[in-house]
Amino acid sequence: QVQLVESGGGLVQAGGSLRLSCAASGSINSINTMGWYRQAPGKQRELVATITSGGSTDYADSVEDRFTISRDNAKNTVYLQMNSLKPEDTAVYYCKLKIRTILITRDYWGQGTQVTVSS
């Protein structure tokens, strides 16, 4: 029983910043990967950034120089600092938790938070 709750989305002008948060609760293995994905209208969901419990990160090329993913392992919370936002960043942003075991991998998703960047 795992739940992810996102917050921090909203409307911002191009060039502005937003900070997204995702708090996980429930039975969570301390070794995991958390990340952010986004889905714009009419498009497939795409990876934005991920971070392992050890701190290794991965970014989409389109955001690597503008976004920063971080986490607080004690709080089971992941953040996405979004700077220099562009209209093409407009999407619903989803938090994901991936828990791996020797036999299986389990994914959990948040409900999504809307980010809208105006020009």
N, C-alpha and C. Protein backbone atom coordinates (compact mmCIF):
# COMPACT_ATOMS: atom_id res chain seq x y z
N GLN A 1 0.83 -1.18 0.00
CA GLN A 1 0.00 0.00 0.00
C GLN A 1 0.89 1.25 0.00
N VAL A 2 1.05 1.82 -1.18
CA VAL A 2 1.89 3.00 -1.37
C VAL A 2 1.06 4.09 -2.01
N GLN A 3 1.25 5.29 -1.54
CA GLN A 3 0.61 6.46 -2.13
C GLN A 3 1.64 7.54 -2.40
N LEU A 4 1.47 8.23 -3.52
CA LEU A 4 2.31 9.35 -3.89
C LEU A 4 1.42 10.57 -4.06
N VAL A 5 1.80 11.66 -3.44
CA VAL A 5 1.02 12.89 -3.51
C VAL A 5 1.92 14.01 -4.01
N GLU A 6 1.56 14.56 -5.16
CA GLU A 6 2.32 15.64 -5.77
C GLU A 6 1.72 16.99 -5.40
N SER A 7 2.57 17.99 -5.41
CA SER A 7 2.13 19.36 -5.20
C SER A 7 3.11 20.31 -5.86
N GLY A 8 2.70 21.55 -6.03
CA GLY A 8 3.59 22.58 -6.54
C GLY A 8 3.33 23.02 -7.95
N GLY A 9 2.43 22.36 -8.65
CA GLY A 9 2.12 22.77 -10.00
C GLY A 9 1.36 24.08 -10.01
N GLY A 10 1.24 24.64 -11.20
CA GLY A 10 0.52 25.89 -11.34
C GLY A 10 0.80 26.56 -12.65
N LEU A 11 0.44 27.82 -12.71
CA LEU A 11 0.62 28.64 -13.91
C LEU A 11 1.78 29.59 -13.69
N VAL A 12 2.69 29.63 -14.64
CA VAL A 12 3.85 30.49 -14.54
C VAL A 12 4.18 31.04 -15.92
N GLN A 13 4.75 32.22 -15.95
CA GLN A 13 5.18 32.80 -17.21
C GLN A 13 6.49 32.20 -17.68
N ALA A 14 6.70 32.22 -18.98
CA ALA A 14 7.95 31.73 -19.53
C ALA A 14 9.14 32.42 -18.86
N GLY A 15 10.14 31.63 -18.53
CA GLY A 15 11.29 32.13 -17.83
C GLY A 15 11.19 32.02 -16.32
N GLY A 16 10.02 31.70 -15.83
CA GLY A 16 9.82 31.58 -14.41
C GLY A 16 10.21 30.21 -13.87
N SER A 17 9.91 30.00 -12.60
CA SER A 17 10.32 28.78 -11.91
C SER A 17 9.16 28.20 -11.11
N LEU A 18 9.20 26.90 -10.96
CA LEU A 18 8.30 26.17 -10.08
C LEU A 18 9.08 25.07 -9.40
N ARG A 19 8.62 24.69 -8.23
CA ARG A 19 9.22 23.58 -7.49
C ARG A 19 8.13 22.57 -7.19
N LEU A 20 8.26 21.38 -7.75
CA LEU A 20 7.32 20.31 -7.52
C LEU A 20 7.81 19.43 -6.39
N SER A 21 6.87 18.92 -5.62
CA SER A 21 7.17 18.01 -4.54
C SER A 21 6.31 16.76 -4.67
N CYS A 22 6.85 15.65 -4.25
CA CYS A 22 6.11 14.40 -4.24
C CYS A 22 6.48 13.64 -2.98
N ALA A 23 5.50 13.42 -2.14
CA ALA A 23 5.71 12.70 -0.89
C ALA A 23 5.13 11.30 -1.00
N ALA A 24 5.94 10.32 -0.71
CA ALA A 24 5.52 8.93 -0.74
C ALA A 24 5.23 8.44 0.66
N SER A 25 4.21 7.63 0.78
CA SER A 25 3.87 7.04 2.07
C SER A 25 3.47 5.59 1.87
N GLY A 26 3.57 4.82 2.93
CA GLY A 26 3.23 3.42 2.87
C GLY A 26 4.45 2.55 3.08
N SER A 27 4.35 1.33 2.61
CA SER A 27 5.43 0.37 2.75
C SER A 27 6.42 0.56 1.61
N ILE A 28 7.51 1.26 1.91
CA ILE A 28 8.47 1.66 0.88
C ILE A 28 9.83 1.09 1.20
N ASN A 29 10.38 0.37 0.28
CA ASN A 29 11.76 -0.09 0.40
C ASN A 29 12.69 1.11 0.33
N SER A 30 13.68 1.14 1.20
CA SER A 30 14.59 2.26 1.24
C SER A 30 15.46 2.37 -0.01
N ILE A 31 15.59 1.30 -0.74
CA ILE A 31 16.34 1.30 -1.99
C ILE A 31 15.33 1.38 -3.13
N ASN A 32 15.30 2.51 -3.79
CA ASN A 32 14.30 2.71 -4.82
C ASN A 32 14.73 3.83 -5.75
N THR A 33 13.93 4.02 -6.78
CA THR A 33 14.12 5.13 -7.70
C THR A 33 12.84 5.95 -7.74
N MET A 34 12.98 7.25 -7.64
CA MET A 34 11.85 8.14 -7.78
C MET A 34 12.11 9.06 -8.95
N GLY A 35 11.05 9.49 -9.58
CA GLY A 35 11.24 10.33 -10.73
C GLY A 35 10.01 11.11 -11.11
N TRP A 36 10.21 11.94 -12.10
CA TRP A 36 9.14 12.76 -12.66
C TRP A 36 8.99 12.46 -14.14
N TYR A 37 7.76 12.31 -14.55
CA TYR A 37 7.39 12.15 -15.94
C TYR A 37 6.34 13.20 -16.27
N ARG A 38 6.19 13.47 -17.54
CA ARG A 38 5.18 14.45 -17.93
C ARG A 38 4.47 14.01 -19.19
N GLN A 39 3.26 14.49 -19.32
CA GLN A 39 2.46 14.17 -20.48
C GLN A 39 1.71 15.41 -20.93
N ALA A 40 2.01 15.85 -22.13
CA ALA A 40 1.32 16.98 -22.74
C ALA A 40 0.13 16.46 -23.54
N PRO A 41 -0.86 17.31 -23.78
CA PRO A 41 -2.03 16.88 -24.55
C PRO A 41 -1.63 16.30 -25.90
N GLY A 42 -2.16 15.14 -26.21
CA GLY A 42 -1.89 14.51 -27.48
C GLY A 42 -0.54 13.85 -27.61
N LYS A 43 0.23 13.81 -26.54
CA LYS A 43 1.56 13.22 -26.60
C LYS A 43 1.70 12.08 -25.60
N GLN A 44 2.72 11.27 -25.83
CA GLN A 44 3.02 10.18 -24.92
C GLN A 44 3.68 10.71 -23.65
N ARG A 45 3.51 9.98 -22.58
CA ARG A 45 4.19 10.33 -21.35
C ARG A 45 5.69 10.12 -21.53
N GLU A 46 6.47 11.07 -21.06
CA GLU A 46 7.91 11.01 -21.23
C GLU A 46 8.64 11.24 -19.92
N LEU A 47 9.81 10.68 -19.85
CA LEU A 47 10.66 10.87 -18.68
C LEU A 47 11.16 12.30 -18.62
N VAL A 48 11.13 12.87 -17.43
CA VAL A 48 11.73 14.17 -17.18
C VAL A 48 13.05 14.00 -16.43
N ALA A 49 12.99 13.32 -15.30
CA ALA A 49 14.18 13.09 -14.49
C ALA A 49 13.91 11.99 -13.49
N THR A 50 14.96 11.26 -13.14
CA THR A 50 14.87 10.25 -12.10
C THR A 50 16.05 10.39 -11.16
N ILE A 51 15.87 9.86 -9.97
CA ILE A 51 16.95 9.87 -8.98
C ILE A 51 16.83 8.61 -8.13
N THR A 52 17.94 7.93 -7.95
CA THR A 52 17.96 6.74 -7.12
C THR A 52 18.13 7.13 -5.66
N SER A 53 17.90 6.16 -4.78
CA SER A 53 18.11 6.41 -3.37
C SER A 53 19.57 6.70 -3.07
N GLY A 54 20.47 6.29 -3.96
CA GLY A 54 21.88 6.60 -3.82
C GLY A 54 22.29 7.93 -4.40
N GLY A 55 21.36 8.62 -5.07
CA GLY A 55 21.63 9.94 -5.58
C GLY A 55 21.99 10.04 -7.04
N SER A 56 21.99 8.93 -7.75
CA SER A 56 22.27 8.97 -9.18
C SER A 56 21.07 9.55 -9.93
N THR A 57 21.34 10.44 -10.87
CA THR A 57 20.27 11.13 -11.58
C THR A 57 20.32 10.86 -13.07
N ASP A 58 19.18 11.05 -13.69
CA ASP A 58 19.05 10.93 -15.13
C ASP A 58 18.04 11.97 -15.57
N TYR A 59 18.36 12.70 -16.65
CA TYR A 59 17.50 13.76 -17.14
C TYR A 59 17.21 13.60 -18.61
N ALA A 60 16.04 14.05 -19.00
CA ALA A 60 15.78 14.21 -20.42
C ALA A 60 16.65 15.33 -20.96
N ASP A 61 17.09 15.18 -22.21
CA ASP A 61 17.96 16.18 -22.80
C ASP A 61 17.32 17.57 -22.81
N SER A 62 16.00 17.61 -22.94
CA SER A 62 15.31 18.88 -23.05
C SER A 62 15.27 19.68 -21.76
N VAL A 63 15.57 19.05 -20.63
CA VAL A 63 15.45 19.73 -19.35
C VAL A 63 16.74 19.73 -18.54
N GLU A 64 17.74 19.02 -18.97
CA GLU A 64 18.92 18.77 -18.14
C GLU A 64 19.59 20.05 -17.66
N ASP A 65 19.61 21.07 -18.46
CA ASP A 65 20.28 22.31 -18.09
C ASP A 65 19.38 23.29 -17.35
N ARG A 66 18.13 22.89 -17.11
CA ARG A 66 17.18 23.80 -16.48
C ARG A 66 16.52 23.24 -15.23
N PHE A 67 16.35 21.93 -15.17
CA PHE A 67 15.66 21.28 -14.06
C PHE A 67 16.66 20.56 -13.17
N THR A 68 16.32 20.46 -11.90
CA THR A 68 17.13 19.72 -10.96
C THR A 68 16.24 18.83 -10.11
N ILE A 69 16.54 17.55 -10.10
CA ILE A 69 15.81 16.63 -9.26
C ILE A 69 16.61 16.36 -7.99
N SER A 70 15.92 16.25 -6.89
CA SER A 70 16.57 15.96 -5.62
C SER A 70 15.60 15.16 -4.75
N ARG A 71 16.11 14.63 -3.66
CA ARG A 71 15.24 13.86 -2.78
C ARG A 71 15.71 13.96 -1.34
N ASP A 72 14.77 13.75 -0.46
CA ASP A 72 15.03 13.66 0.96
C ASP A 72 14.63 12.26 1.37
N ASN A 73 15.61 11.40 1.54
CA ASN A 73 15.31 10.00 1.82
C ASN A 73 14.60 9.82 3.16
N ALA A 74 14.92 10.65 4.12
CA ALA A 74 14.27 10.55 5.42
C ALA A 74 12.79 10.85 5.34
N LYS A 75 12.40 11.70 4.40
CA LYS A 75 11.00 12.08 4.23
C LYS A 75 10.31 11.33 3.10
N ASN A 76 11.05 10.48 2.40
CA ASN A 76 10.51 9.80 1.22
C ASN A 76 9.86 10.80 0.26
N THR A 77 10.57 11.87 0.02
CA THR A 77 10.06 12.95 -0.81
C THR A 77 11.05 13.27 -1.92
N VAL A 78 10.53 13.48 -3.11
CA VAL A 78 11.34 13.88 -4.24
C VAL A 78 10.88 15.24 -4.72
N TYR A 79 11.82 16.04 -5.21
CA TYR A 79 11.53 17.39 -5.65
C TYR A 79 12.01 17.57 -7.09
N LEU A 80 11.38 18.49 -7.76
CA LEU A 80 11.83 18.89 -9.08
C LEU A 80 11.84 20.40 -9.13
N GLN A 81 13.03 20.98 -9.13
CA GLN A 81 13.17 22.41 -9.28
C GLN A 81 13.22 22.72 -10.77
N MET A 82 12.28 23.51 -11.23
CA MET A 82 12.12 23.80 -12.64
C MET A 82 12.40 25.28 -12.86
N ASN A 83 13.49 25.58 -13.53
CA ASN A 83 13.88 26.95 -13.83
C ASN A 83 13.83 27.20 -15.32
N SER A 84 13.79 28.47 -15.67
CA SER A 84 13.77 28.88 -17.08
C SER A 84 12.70 28.13 -17.86
N LEU A 85 11.53 28.11 -17.31
CA LEU A 85 10.44 27.34 -17.92
C LEU A 85 10.05 27.89 -19.28
N LYS A 86 9.69 26.97 -20.15
CA LYS A 86 9.29 27.29 -21.51
C LYS A 86 7.86 26.81 -21.74
N PRO A 87 7.16 27.41 -22.68
CA PRO A 87 5.80 26.94 -22.97
C PRO A 87 5.74 25.45 -23.29
N GLU A 88 6.76 24.91 -23.92
CA GLU A 88 6.77 23.50 -24.24
C GLU A 88 6.92 22.59 -23.02
N ASP A 89 7.18 23.17 -21.87
CA ASP A 89 7.19 22.40 -20.63
C ASP A 89 5.79 22.16 -20.09
N THR A 90 4.81 22.79 -20.67
CA THR A 90 3.43 22.63 -20.23
C THR A 90 3.00 21.18 -20.35
N ALA A 91 2.54 20.62 -19.25
CA ALA A 91 2.14 19.22 -19.22
C ALA A 91 1.61 18.89 -17.83
N VAL A 92 1.03 17.71 -17.72
CA VAL A 92 0.76 17.15 -16.41
C VAL A 92 2.00 16.39 -15.98
N TYR A 93 2.50 16.70 -14.81
CA TYR A 93 3.70 16.08 -14.29
C TYR A 93 3.32 15.02 -13.26
N TYR A 94 3.86 13.83 -13.45
CA TYR A 94 3.55 12.69 -12.60
C TYR A 94 4.79 12.24 -11.85
N CYS A 95 4.61 11.96 -10.60
CA CYS A 95 5.66 11.38 -9.78
C CYS A 95 5.60 9.86 -9.87
N LYS A 96 6.74 9.22 -9.94
CA LYS A 96 6.80 7.77 -9.98
C LYS A 96 7.79 7.24 -8.96
N LEU A 97 7.40 6.17 -8.32
CA LEU A 97 8.26 5.43 -7.42
C LEU A 97 8.46 4.03 -7.99
N LYS A 98 9.69 3.62 -8.12
CA LYS A 98 10.01 2.28 -8.61
C LYS A 98 10.76 1.54 -7.52
N ILE A 99 10.19 0.42 -7.12
CA ILE A 99 10.80 -0.42 -6.10
C ILE A 99 11.22 -1.73 -6.75
N ARG A 100 12.48 -2.05 -6.63
CA ARG A 100 13.02 -3.27 -7.23
C ARG A 100 13.33 -4.32 -6.17
N THR A 101 12.99 -5.55 -6.50
CA THR A 101 13.43 -6.69 -5.72
C THR A 101 14.19 -7.62 -6.65
N ILE A 102 14.68 -8.71 -6.10
CA ILE A 102 15.40 -9.66 -6.93
C ILE A 102 14.50 -10.21 -8.03
N LEU A 103 13.22 -10.40 -7.72
CA LEU A 103 12.32 -11.05 -8.66
C LEU A 103 11.47 -10.09 -9.48
N ILE A 104 11.07 -8.98 -8.90
CA ILE A 104 10.11 -8.12 -9.57
C ILE A 104 10.45 -6.65 -9.39
N THR A 105 9.83 -5.85 -10.23
CA THR A 105 9.87 -4.40 -10.11
C THR A 105 8.44 -3.89 -10.01
N ARG A 106 8.22 -2.99 -9.08
CA ARG A 106 6.89 -2.42 -8.90
C ARG A 106 6.94 -0.91 -9.09
N ASP A 107 6.01 -0.41 -9.85
CA ASP A 107 5.90 1.02 -10.11
C ASP A 107 4.65 1.58 -9.46
N TYR A 108 4.78 2.76 -8.88
CA TYR A 108 3.67 3.47 -8.29
C TYR A 108 3.65 4.89 -8.84
N TRP A 109 2.46 5.39 -9.11
CA TRP A 109 2.30 6.70 -9.72
C TRP A 109 1.44 7.61 -8.88
N GLY A 110 1.79 8.88 -8.89
CA GLY A 110 0.95 9.89 -8.29
C GLY A 110 -0.17 10.28 -9.23
N GLN A 111 -1.01 11.18 -8.76
CA GLN A 111 -2.19 11.57 -9.53
C GLN A 111 -1.88 12.61 -10.60
N GLY A 112 -0.74 13.23 -10.52
CA GLY A 112 -0.34 14.24 -11.48
C GLY A 112 -0.64 15.64 -11.00
N THR A 113 0.17 16.58 -11.43
CA THR A 113 -0.05 17.99 -11.13
C THR A 113 0.20 18.79 -12.40
N GLN A 114 -0.68 19.72 -12.67
CA GLN A 114 -0.63 20.48 -13.91
C GLN A 114 0.40 21.60 -13.82
N VAL A 115 1.25 21.68 -14.82
CA VAL A 115 2.17 22.79 -14.98
C VAL A 115 1.85 23.47 -16.30
N THR A 116 1.55 24.74 -16.24
CA THR A 116 1.23 25.51 -17.43
C THR A 116 2.17 26.71 -17.51
N VAL A 117 2.85 26.83 -18.63
CA VAL A 117 3.80 27.91 -18.85
C VAL A 117 3.27 28.78 -19.97
N SER A 118 3.00 30.02 -19.66
CA SER A 118 2.47 30.95 -20.65
C SER A 118 3.59 31.73 -21.31
N SER A 119 3.36 32.11 -22.55
CA SER A 119 4.35 32.86 -23.30
C SER A 119 4.16 34.35 -23.14
